[in-house]
Amino acid sequence: KNRIGIDHQASIIEEKHSTQDKASTHLKQTLGTTGWGVGPAIEERVRRTAKIAKDIPELQPYLTDVATEVNTAIDADKKVFLEGTQGLLLSLFHGTYPYVTGRDTSASAICSEAGVGPTKVDNVLIVFKAFMTRVGTGPLPEELPKEEALKRGWFEIAAGTGRERRSAPFNFELAKKTAKINGATEAAVTKLDSVYPQCKGAKTYKELPEEAKQFINEIEKQTGIPVVLIGTGPEALDIIDRRKQS
């Protein structure tokens, strides 16, 4: 309490939605749903029959008008950080349909759902992984066999669902597309050490090997935006922050 606010109009995902999600052969086997019930909950929202946060007694102490609260903070020159989930290629409108999630995942949608107008956004930070991964079905250019992904250290298990992630090398064309649609002003690159192991734990850009610098330079060239944050290891502070370095 007093640390989290839930918008009174936020949709509620109920147990029945998860059951519906898991029971759908099309979603489970063809599209690879998480089974968490997000899609069925969105369906009810569109039909105007969804339960929303203000209908739930237990949530009353946490209810707030998010749009008003956020805009008031922005107008008072406070820092407001909006964080989205899932990559653009899972966007219902801009992704690899039908192998997508149940909503738009672009920066515009993040702002829209929070009630923040486009003129109030100063920076859009897009996050790239140094190699591509995808859970479930759907296209993945230059996908690697599991054995090769394991060999390269690119094999991952999804934290939320426990499913295996498929892997592929970084795709500059897709990076260019996602930066454009998101209106990105700067970029972060995670797991650079997974592609260039000699980068592990580096704290300054100067420490990076030349081939890693060339990779970062190519991302900047292709997307037209600066790479300001670089992840070089699994620890929270294994980051090169180029905004603080010359």
Foldseek 3Di string as FASTA:
>chain_A
DVPAADEQFAFDQDPVLLVVQVPDCCCCPVQNDLSSRPQVSVVCVVVVNTDGNNNDPVCVVRYDNQLVVVVVCLVVVHDDDFDFDDAQLQAPPRHQPPNHDRHGGALVVSCVVSNHDPVSDDFDEAEAEQWDKDFGDDDDPQWDDPVVCVVLVNWDQDPPRRTTIIIHGDDLVVLQVNCVRNVGQEYEYADLCSNVVQLALDAEPVSDDPVSVVSQVVSCVSNVHHHQWYARYDDPRSIHGNVPPD
